[in-house]
Amino acid sequence: MQTSSRASFKLLATAAVIGASLTLTACAGRGGGPKDTAYVARDVETLYASAKDRLDRGQPTLAAALFDEVERQHPYSPWARRAQLMSAFSYYVARDYNKSVESAQRFLSIHPGNKDAPYAYYLIALSYYEQISDVTRDQKVTEQTRTALQELIRRYPSTEYASDAKLKLDLVQDHLAGKEMEIGRWYERSGNWLAAQIRFQNVVDNFQTTSHA
């Protein structure tokens, strides 16, 4: 689960591109070099366009920093709200998933009822999903993924994001069931039959739709 499906990324990217195209003009070509993120007071359109340009040129980390600057320099501008989401998306593209989650959560804390809230919840869920490792590892992030996916489905059941979340939730459930089975087999090999039975029964009771039940 280290790489997202093409459909998931396309869903994220399409929404990001639509939202990013507020009123970008020719100023998009004014981006500079590494000093782009140094504090220089710039009008919001120029700063936002520079960030979008960096993202388009395959520099998501720099783009994220510039989108953060939009919010920092122009916190009360309508562009700041969009910049928060674009920052989260840019961090996701850069595979800095923790910062992606932080940016999306900050957006939700400030704009909980915004029309783009489903996108933010989806981005959070995908950022956790990308970090799921094999069943031999600690499953904390898998649990976080499940919680995030369930929250998205509960809040916005009719969205295209929820449709993809349901598919991913099935995979996450199967992953968690696999971990329970792996622990159960370890107990079984150790002769701890009661502990093994508890793990196996948990799979039967709570993961009935998975391949392990």
Foldseek 3Di string as FASTA:
>chain_A
DLDDDPVLVCVLVVVLVVLLVPPADPLLPVADPPCLLPDDQDPLNNLSSVLVSCVVVPNLVVSLSSLVVSCVNPVPDPSNLSSLQSSLSSCVSVLVLVVSLVSLVVSCVVCVPDPCNLSSLLSNLVSLVNPDDALVDDCPSLVVNLVSLVVSCVVCVPDPSNVVSVVVNLVSLQRVLVNLQVVLVVCVVVVVNVSSVVSLVCCVVPVVVYPSD
